[in-house]
PDB file of N, CA and C in Angstrom:
ATOM      1  N   MET A   1       0.839  -1.176   0.000  1.00  0.00           N
ATOM      2  CA  MET A   1       0.000   0.000   0.000  1.00  0.00           C
ATOM      3  C   MET A   1       0.888   1.244   0.000  1.00  0.00           C
ATOM      4  N   SER A   2       0.544   2.198  -0.840  1.00  0.00           N
ATOM      5  CA  SER A   2       1.351   3.410  -0.934  1.00  0.00           C
ATOM      6  C   SER A   2       1.132   4.297   0.284  1.00  0.00           C
ATOM      7  N   ASP A   3       2.068   5.199   0.479  1.00  0.00           N
ATOM      8  CA  ASP A   3       1.984   6.148   1.585  1.00  0.00           C
ATOM      9  C   ASP A   3       0.741   7.026   1.435  1.00  0.00           C
ATOM     10  N   LEU A   4       0.441   7.447   0.199  1.00  0.00           N
ATOM     11  CA  LEU A   4      -0.733   8.280  -0.060  1.00  0.00           C
ATOM     12  C   LEU A   4      -2.013   7.519   0.281  1.00  0.00           C
ATOM     13  N   GLN A   5      -2.087   6.265  -0.128  1.00  0.00           N
ATOM     14  CA  GLN A   5      -3.265   5.447   0.158  1.00  0.00           C
ATOM     15  C   GLN A   5      -3.451   5.289   1.669  1.00  0.00           C
ATOM     16  N   SER A   6      -2.375   5.086   2.377  1.00  0.00           N
ATOM     17  CA  SER A   6      -2.426   4.952   3.831  1.00  0.00           C
ATOM     18  C   SER A   6      -2.921   6.242   4.485  1.00  0.00           C
ATOM     19  N   LYS A   7      -2.393   7.385   4.043  1.00  0.00           N
ATOM     20  CA  LYS A   7      -2.825   8.675   4.574  1.00  0.00           C
ATOM     21  C   LYS A   7      -4.299   8.917   4.260  1.00  0.00           C
ATOM     22  N   PHE A   8      -4.717   8.515   3.071  1.00  0.00           N
ATOM     23  CA  PHE A   8      -6.113   8.678   2.671  1.00  0.00           C
ATOM     24  C   PHE A   8      -7.026   7.851   3.578  1.00  0.00           C
ATOM     25  N   GLU A   9      -6.673   6.602   3.809  1.00  0.00           N
ATOM     26  CA  GLU A   9      -7.494   5.747   4.669  1.00  0.00           C
ATOM     27  C   GLU A   9      -7.554   6.277   6.097  1.00  0.00           C
ATOM     28  N   THR A  10      -6.460   6.846   6.576  1.00  0.00           N
ATOM     29  CA  THR A  10      -6.453   7.470   7.893  1.00  0.00           C
ATOM     30  C   THR A  10      -7.383   8.678   7.915  1.00  0.00           C
ATOM     31  N   ALA A  11      -7.341   9.476   6.849  1.00  0.00           N
ATOM     32  CA  ALA A  11      -8.210  10.661   6.764  1.00  0.00           C
ATOM     33  C   ALA A  11      -9.680  10.249   6.713  1.00  0.00           C
ATOM     34  N   VAL A  12      -9.990   9.168   6.009  1.00  0.00           N
ATOM     35  CA  VAL A  12     -11.373   8.674   5.952  1.00  0.00           C
ATOM     36  C   VAL A  12     -11.836   8.296   7.361  1.00  0.00           C
ATOM     37  N   ALA A  13     -10.994   7.579   8.089  1.00  0.00           N
ATOM     38  CA  ALA A  13     -11.337   7.204   9.459  1.00  0.00           C
ATOM     39  C   ALA A  13     -11.483   8.442  10.340  1.00  0.00           C
ATOM     40  N   ASP A  14     -10.574   9.400  10.185  1.00  0.00           N
ATOM     41  CA  ASP A  14     -10.630  10.634  10.977  1.00  0.00           C
ATOM     42  C   ASP A  14     -11.881  11.451  10.671  1.00  0.00           C
ATOM     43  N   SER A  15     -12.350  11.413   9.426  1.00  0.00           N
ATOM     44  CA  SER A  15     -13.537  12.191   9.049  1.00  0.00           C
ATOM     45  C   SER A  15     -14.775  11.725   9.803  1.00  0.00           C
ATOM     46  N   LYS A  16     -14.765  10.488  10.242  1.00  0.00           N
ATOM     47  CA  LYS A  16     -15.907   9.937  10.979  1.00  0.00           C
ATOM     48  C   LYS A  16     -15.835  10.259  12.461  1.00  0.00           C
ATOM     49  N   LYS A  17     -14.705  10.841  12.904  1.00  0.00           N
ATOM     50  CA  LYS A  17     -14.505  11.138  14.318  1.00  0.00           C
ATOM     51  C   LYS A  17     -14.367  12.634  14.589  1.00  0.00           C
ATOM     52  N   LEU A  18     -14.829  13.471  13.670  1.00  0.00           N
ATOM     53  CA  LEU A  18     -14.717  14.913  13.870  1.00  0.00           C
ATOM     54  C   LEU A  18     -15.600  15.340  15.036  1.00  0.00           C
ATOM     55  N   SER A  19     -15.142  16.320  15.805  1.00  0.00           N
ATOM     56  CA  SER A  19     -15.891  16.760  16.979  1.00  0.00           C
ATOM     57  C   SER A  19     -17.184  17.479  16.588  1.00  0.00           C
ATOM     58  N   GLU A  20     -17.191  18.136  15.436  1.00  0.00           N
ATOM     59  CA  GLU A  20     -18.386  18.827  14.949  1.00  0.00           C
ATOM     60  C   GLU A  20     -18.703  18.352  13.536  1.00  0.00           C
ATOM     61  N   ARG A  21     -20.004  18.226  13.253  1.00  0.00           N
ATOM     62  CA  ARG A  21     -20.430  17.841  11.918  1.00  0.00           C
ATOM     63  C   ARG A  21     -20.186  19.021  10.971  1.00  0.00           C
ATOM     64  N   PRO A  22     -19.508  18.783   9.859  1.00  0.00           N
ATOM     65  CA  PRO A  22     -19.265  19.865   8.897  1.00  0.00           C
ATOM     66  C   PRO A  22     -20.573  20.382   8.292  1.00  0.00           C
ATOM     67  N   ASP A  23     -20.514  21.597   7.761  1.00  0.00           N
ATOM     68  CA  ASP A  23     -21.686  22.171   7.105  1.00  0.00           C
ATOM     69  C   ASP A  23     -21.995  21.384   5.830  1.00  0.00           C
ATOM     70  N   PRO A  24     -23.209  21.535   5.293  1.00  0.00           N
ATOM     71  CA  PRO A  24     -23.604  20.747   4.113  1.00  0.00           C
ATOM     72  C   PRO A  24     -22.671  20.896   2.904  1.00  0.00           C
ATOM     73  N   ALA A  25     -22.162  22.085   2.656  1.00  0.00           N
ATOM     74  CA  ALA A  25     -21.264  22.281   1.510  1.00  0.00           C
ATOM     75  C   ALA A  25     -19.961  21.498   1.692  1.00  0.00           C
ATOM     76  N   THR A  26     -19.462  21.477   2.909  1.00  0.00           N
ATOM     77  CA  THR A  26     -18.236  20.733   3.190  1.00  0.00           C
ATOM     78  C   THR A  26     -18.487  19.233   3.101  1.00  0.00           C
ATOM     79  N   LEU A  27     -19.641  18.786   3.583  1.00  0.00           N
ATOM     80  CA  LEU A  27     -19.989  17.368   3.462  1.00  0.00           C
ATOM     81  C   LEU A  27     -20.057  16.941   1.997  1.00  0.00           C
ATOM     82  N   LEU A  28     -20.629  17.797   1.156  1.00  0.00           N
ATOM     83  CA  LEU A  28     -20.677  17.488  -0.283  1.00  0.00           C
ATOM     84  C   LEU A  28     -19.274  17.404  -0.871  1.00  0.00           C
ATOM     85  N   LYS A  29     -18.408  18.307  -0.454  1.00  0.00           N
ATOM     86  CA  LYS A  29     -17.025  18.303  -0.950  1.00  0.00           C
ATOM     87  C   LYS A  29     -16.312  17.026  -0.510  1.00  0.00           C
ATOM     88  N   LEU A  30     -16.496  16.632   0.750  1.00  0.00           N
ATOM     89  CA  LEU A  30     -15.903  15.383   1.240  1.00  0.00           C
ATOM     90  C   LEU A  30     -16.412  14.195   0.428  1.00  0.00           C
ATOM     91  N   TYR A  31     -17.716  14.156   0.207  1.00  0.00           N
ATOM     92  CA  TYR A  31     -18.315  13.066  -0.563  1.00  0.00           C
ATOM     93  C   TYR A  31     -17.718  13.010  -1.970  1.00  0.00           C
ATOM     94  N   ALA A  32     -17.693  14.171  -2.624  1.00  0.00           N
ATOM     95  CA  ALA A  32     -17.210  14.226  -4.008  1.00  0.00           C
ATOM     96  C   ALA A  32     -15.741  13.819  -4.104  1.00  0.00           C
ATOM     97  N   LEU A  33     -14.926  14.301  -3.191  1.00  0.00           N
ATOM     98  CA  LEU A  33     -13.504  13.945  -3.216  1.00  0.00           C
ATOM     99  C   LEU A  33     -13.303  12.462  -2.931  1.00  0.00           C
ATOM    100  N   TYR A  34     -14.100  11.918  -2.010  1.00  0.00           N
ATOM    101  CA  TYR A  34     -14.009  10.485  -1.712  1.00  0.00           C
ATOM    102  C   TYR A  34     -14.376   9.666  -2.946  1.00  0.00           C
ATOM    103  N   LYS A  35     -15.488  10.007  -3.584  1.00  0.00           N
ATOM    104  CA  LYS A  35     -15.927   9.262  -4.772  1.00  0.00           C
ATOM    105  C   LYS A  35     -14.906   9.389  -5.904  1.00  0.00           C
ATOM    106  N   GLN A  36     -14.371  10.589  -6.107  1.00  0.00           N
ATOM    107  CA  GLN A  36     -13.379  10.781  -7.169  1.00  0.00           C
ATOM    108  C   GLN A  36     -12.119   9.983  -6.860  1.00  0.00           C
ATOM    109  N   SER A  37     -11.757   9.907  -5.589  1.00  0.00           N
ATOM    110  CA  SER A  37     -10.561   9.167  -5.174  1.00  0.00           C
ATOM    111  C   SER A  37     -10.718   7.670  -5.360  1.00  0.00           C
ATOM    112  N   THR A  38     -11.901   7.167  -5.063  1.00  0.00           N
ATOM    113  CA  THR A  38     -12.106   5.722  -5.052  1.00  0.00           C
ATOM    114  C   THR A  38     -12.721   5.169  -6.331  1.00  0.00           C
ATOM    115  N   THR A  39     -13.491   5.988  -7.047  1.00  0.00           N
ATOM    116  CA  THR A  39     -14.223   5.504  -8.218  1.00  0.00           C
ATOM    117  C   THR A  39     -13.782   6.155  -9.517  1.00  0.00           C
ATOM    118  N   GLY A  40     -13.372   7.406  -9.445  1.00  0.00           N
ATOM    119  CA  GLY A  40     -13.024   8.147 -10.655  1.00  0.00           C
ATOM    120  C   GLY A  40     -14.168   9.064 -11.049  1.00  0.00           C
ATOM    121  N   ASP A  41     -14.191   9.477 -12.308  1.00  0.00           N
ATOM    122  CA  ASP A  41     -15.200  10.422 -12.782  1.00  0.00           C
ATOM    123  C   ASP A  41     -16.611   9.860 -12.636  1.00  0.00           C
ATOM    124  N   ALA A  42     -17.540  10.774 -12.329  1.00  0.00           N
ATOM    125  CA  ALA A  42     -18.956  10.406 -12.217  1.00  0.00           C
ATOM    126  C   ALA A  42     -19.462   9.940 -13.577  1.00  0.00           C
ATOM    127  N   GLU A  43     -20.198   8.860 -13.558  1.00  0.00           N
ATOM    128  CA  GLU A  43     -20.771   8.318 -14.788  1.00  0.00           C
ATOM    129  C   GLU A  43     -22.258   8.116 -14.585  1.00  0.00           C
ATOM    130  N   GLY A  44     -22.938   7.846 -15.658  1.00  0.00           N
ATOM    131  CA  GLY A  44     -24.369   7.590 -15.576  1.00  0.00           C
ATOM    132  C   GLY A  44     -25.165   8.872 -15.628  1.00  0.00           C
ATOM    133  N   LYS A  45     -26.467   8.706 -15.484  1.00  0.00           N
ATOM    134  CA  LYS A  45     -27.367   9.842 -15.565  1.00  0.00           C
ATOM    135  C   LYS A  45     -27.414  10.603 -14.247  1.00  0.00           C
ATOM    136  N   ARG A  46     -27.608  11.890 -14.388  1.00  0.00           N
ATOM    137  CA  ARG A  46     -27.802  12.749 -13.221  1.00  0.00           C
ATOM    138  C   ARG A  46     -29.156  12.390 -12.606  1.00  0.00           C
ATOM    139  N   PRO A  47     -29.223  12.243 -11.277  1.00  0.00           N
ATOM    140  CA  PRO A  47     -30.501  11.930 -10.636  1.00  0.00           C
ATOM    141  C   PRO A  47     -31.567  12.978 -10.961  1.00  0.00           C
ATOM    142  N   GLY A  48     -32.795  12.550 -10.947  1.00  0.00           N
ATOM    143  CA  GLY A  48     -33.908  13.432 -11.281  1.00  0.00           C
ATOM    144  C   GLY A  48     -34.147  14.520 -10.258  1.00  0.00           C
ATOM    145  N   ILE A  49     -34.988  15.457 -10.624  1.00  0.00           N
ATOM    146  CA  ILE A  49     -35.271  16.628  -9.786  1.00  0.00           C
ATOM    147  C   ILE A  49     -35.909  16.238  -8.455  1.00  0.00           C
ATOM    148  N   THR A  50     -36.569  15.100  -8.397  1.00  0.00           N
ATOM    149  CA  THR A  50     -37.213  14.680  -7.143  1.00  0.00           C
ATOM    150  C   THR A  50     -36.204  14.105  -6.149  1.00  0.00           C
ATOM    151  N   ASP A  51     -35.020  13.758  -6.599  1.00  0.00           N
ATOM    152  CA  ASP A  51     -33.963  13.245  -5.721  1.00  0.00           C
ATOM    153  C   ASP A  51     -32.952  14.365  -5.487  1.00  0.00           C
ATOM    154  N   MET A  52     -33.341  15.315  -4.656  1.00  0.00           N
ATOM    155  CA  MET A  52     -32.506  16.508  -4.486  1.00  0.00           C
ATOM    156  C   MET A  52     -31.153  16.196  -3.845  1.00  0.00           C
ATOM    157  N   VAL A  53     -31.119  15.275  -2.879  1.00  0.00           N
ATOM    158  CA  VAL A  53     -29.855  14.923  -2.225  1.00  0.00           C
ATOM    159  C   VAL A  53     -28.939  14.201  -3.212  1.00  0.00           C
ATOM    160  N   GLY A  54     -29.480  13.210  -3.906  1.00  0.00           N
ATOM    161  CA  GLY A  54     -28.699  12.481  -4.896  1.00  0.00           C
ATOM    162  C   GLY A  54     -28.177  13.389  -5.995  1.00  0.00           C
ATOM    163  N   ARG A  55     -29.007  14.332  -6.390  1.00  0.00           N
ATOM    164  CA  ARG A  55     -28.630  15.281  -7.442  1.00  0.00           C
ATOM    165  C   ARG A  55     -27.479  16.173  -6.966  1.00  0.00           C
ATOM    166  N   ALA A  56     -27.567  16.667  -5.732  1.00  0.00           N
ATOM    167  CA  ALA A  56     -26.503  17.525  -5.189  1.00  0.00           C
ATOM    168  C   ALA A  56     -25.194  16.750  -5.075  1.00  0.00           C
ATOM    169  N   LYS A  57     -25.272  15.507  -4.620  1.00  0.00           N
ATOM    170  CA  LYS A  57     -24.071  14.673  -4.517  1.00  0.00           C
ATOM    171  C   LYS A  57     -23.459  14.439  -5.892  1.00  0.00           C
ATOM    172  N   TRP A  58     -24.291  14.091  -6.869  1.00  0.00           N
ATOM    173  CA  TRP A  58     -23.802  13.809  -8.218  1.00  0.00           C
ATOM    174  C   TRP A  58     -23.167  15.066  -8.813  1.00  0.00           C
ATOM    175  N   ASP A  59     -23.827  16.214  -8.625  1.00  0.00           N
ATOM    176  CA  ASP A  59     -23.290  17.477  -9.164  1.00  0.00           C
ATOM    177  C   ASP A  59     -21.921  17.802  -8.561  1.00  0.00           C
ATOM    178  N   ALA A  60     -21.793  17.613  -7.244  1.00  0.00           N
ATOM    179  CA  ALA A  60     -20.509  17.885  -6.585  1.00  0.00           C
ATOM    180  C   ALA A  60     -19.426  16.955  -7.110  1.00  0.00           C
ATOM    181  N   TRP A  61     -19.770  15.691  -7.270  1.00  0.00           N
ATOM    182  CA  TRP A  61     -18.820  14.712  -7.780  1.00  0.00           C
ATOM    183  C   TRP A  61     -18.476  15.007  -9.237  1.00  0.00           C
ATOM    184  N   HIS A  62     -19.485  15.292 -10.032  1.00  0.00           N
ATOM    185  CA  HIS A  62     -19.279  15.559 -11.460  1.00  0.00           C
ATOM    186  C   HIS A  62     -18.403  16.798 -11.678  1.00  0.00           C
ATOM    187  N   ALA A  63     -18.461  17.749 -10.751  1.00  0.00           N
ATOM    188  CA  ALA A  63     -17.648  18.966 -10.855  1.00  0.00           C
ATOM    189  C   ALA A  63     -16.153  18.659 -10.778  1.00  0.00           C
ATOM    190  N   LEU A  64     -15.796  17.487 -10.261  1.00  0.00           N
ATOM    191  CA  LEU A  64     -14.385  17.096 -10.141  1.00  0.00           C
ATOM    192  C   LEU A  64     -13.901  16.270 -11.338  1.00  0.00           C
ATOM    193  N   LYS A  65     -14.714  16.186 -12.367  1.00  0.00           N
ATOM    194  CA  LYS A  65     -14.363  15.382 -13.544  1.00  0.00           C
ATOM    195  C   LYS A  65     -12.963  15.756 -14.039  1.00  0.00           C
ATOM    196  N   GLY A  66     -12.155  14.747 -14.265  1.00  0.00           N
ATOM    197  CA  GLY A  66     -10.807  14.959 -14.762  1.00  0.00           C
ATOM    198  C   GLY A  66      -9.751  15.070 -13.664  1.00  0.00           C
ATOM    199  N   THR A  67     -10.190  15.169 -12.414  1.00  0.00           N
ATOM    200  CA  THR A  67      -9.246  15.218 -11.294  1.00  0.00           C
ATOM    201  C   THR A  67      -8.675  13.821 -11.086  1.00  0.00           C
ATOM    202  N   SER A  68      -7.365  13.720 -10.992  1.00  0.00           N
ATOM    203  CA  SER A  68      -6.746  12.405 -10.822  1.00  0.00           C
ATOM    204  C   SER A  68      -7.050  11.842  -9.436  1.00  0.00           C
ATOM    205  N   HIS A  69      -6.911  10.524  -9.318  1.00  0.00           N
ATOM    206  CA  HIS A  69      -7.121   9.862  -8.026  1.00  0.00           C
ATOM    207  C   HIS A  69      -6.202  10.457  -6.970  1.00  0.00           C
ATOM    208  N   ASP A  70      -4.930  10.628  -7.310  1.00  0.00           N
ATOM    209  CA  ASP A  70      -3.956  11.145  -6.349  1.00  0.00           C
ATOM    210  C   ASP A  70      -4.290  12.571  -5.917  1.00  0.00           C
ATOM    211  N   ASP A  71      -4.676  13.423  -6.877  1.00  0.00           N
ATOM    212  CA  ASP A  71      -5.032  14.802  -6.531  1.00  0.00           C
ATOM    213  C   ASP A  71      -6.264  14.829  -5.630  1.00  0.00           C
ATOM    214  N   ALA A  72      -7.252  14.002  -5.951  1.00  0.00           N
ATOM    215  CA  ALA A  72      -8.466  13.951  -5.136  1.00  0.00           C
ATOM    216  C   ALA A  72      -8.144  13.455  -3.722  1.00  0.00           C
ATOM    217  N   MET A  73      -7.272  12.456  -3.626  1.00  0.00           N
ATOM    218  CA  MET A  73      -6.881  11.951  -2.305  1.00  0.00           C
ATOM    219  C   MET A  73      -6.182  13.038  -1.500  1.00  0.00           C
ATOM    220  N   ASN A  74      -5.259  13.738  -2.130  1.00  0.00           N
ATOM    221  CA  ASN A  74      -4.532  14.808  -1.431  1.00  0.00           C
ATOM    222  C   ASN A  74      -5.486  15.910  -0.970  1.00  0.00           C
ATOM    223  N   GLN A  75      -6.448  16.275  -1.817  1.00  0.00           N
ATOM    224  CA  GLN A  75      -7.419  17.300  -1.436  1.00  0.00           C
ATOM    225  C   GLN A  75      -8.294  16.818  -0.287  1.00  0.00           C
ATOM    226  N   TYR A  76      -8.682  15.543  -0.311  1.00  0.00           N
ATOM    227  CA  TYR A  76      -9.497  14.967   0.761  1.00  0.00           C
ATOM    228  C   TYR A  76      -8.722  15.008   2.079  1.00  0.00           C
ATOM    229  N   ILE A  77      -7.472  14.566   2.032  1.00  0.00           N
ATOM    230  CA  ILE A  77      -6.619  14.559   3.224  1.00  0.00           C
ATOM    231  C   ILE A  77      -6.491  15.975   3.782  1.00  0.00           C
ATOM    232  N   ASP A  78      -6.214  16.942   2.916  1.00  0.00           N
ATOM    233  CA  ASP A  78      -6.055  18.334   3.357  1.00  0.00           C
ATOM    234  C   ASP A  78      -7.341  18.877   3.967  1.00  0.00           C
ATOM    235  N   LEU A  79      -8.485  18.554   3.365  1.00  0.00           N
ATOM    236  CA  LEU A  79      -9.766  19.045   3.874  1.00  0.00           C
ATOM    237  C   LEU A  79     -10.056  18.453   5.254  1.00  0.00           C
ATOM    238  N   VAL A  80      -9.850  17.163   5.419  1.00  0.00           N
ATOM    239  CA  VAL A  80     -10.085  16.534   6.722  1.00  0.00           C
ATOM    240  C   VAL A  80      -9.152  17.137   7.770  1.00  0.00           C
ATOM    241  N   GLU A  81      -7.895  17.337   7.413  1.00  0.00           N
ATOM    242  CA  GLU A  81      -6.942  17.955   8.356  1.00  0.00           C
ATOM    243  C   GLU A  81      -7.410  19.342   8.785  1.00  0.00           C
ATOM    244  N   SER A  82      -7.977  20.105   7.848  1.00  0.00           N
ATOM    245  CA  SER A  82      -8.434  21.464   8.173  1.00  0.00           C
ATOM    246  C   SER A  82      -9.675  21.442   9.069  1.00  0.00           C
ATOM    247  N   LEU A  83     -10.394  20.330   9.097  1.00  0.00           N
ATOM    248  CA  LEU A  83     -11.613  20.227   9.907  1.00  0.00           C
ATOM    249  C   LEU A  83     -11.345  19.716  11.323  1.00  0.00           C
ATOM    250  N   LYS A  84     -10.162  19.179  11.550  1.00  0.00           N
ATOM    251  CA  LYS A  84      -9.813  18.686  12.879  1.00  0.00           C
ATOM    252  C   LYS A  84      -9.620  19.847  13.843  1.00  0.00           C
ATOM    253  N   ASP A  85      -9.847  19.565  15.107  1.00  0.00           N
ATOM    254  CA  ASP A  85      -9.660  20.608  16.144  1.00  0.00           C
ATOM    255  C   ASP A  85      -8.215  20.987  16.279  1.00  0.00           C
TER     256      ASP A  85
END
């Protein structure tokens, strides 16, 4: 396992132990960076207008299209670090 992958997995675990729940925009950013890191670019159809949460998640993820796995992991790690006390 690479050093980056190890740091990413630690950041994922740390994100679940934050003392305060992040605001909705930050949660979307965390979600999008996680998906881009683990899955790559968003594919498939955008969720319909009646699925507002799914649509917001997909839009946030889709906005990262073209971001490499490594860049997304580094951004995720940095964001989680900035949210720690």
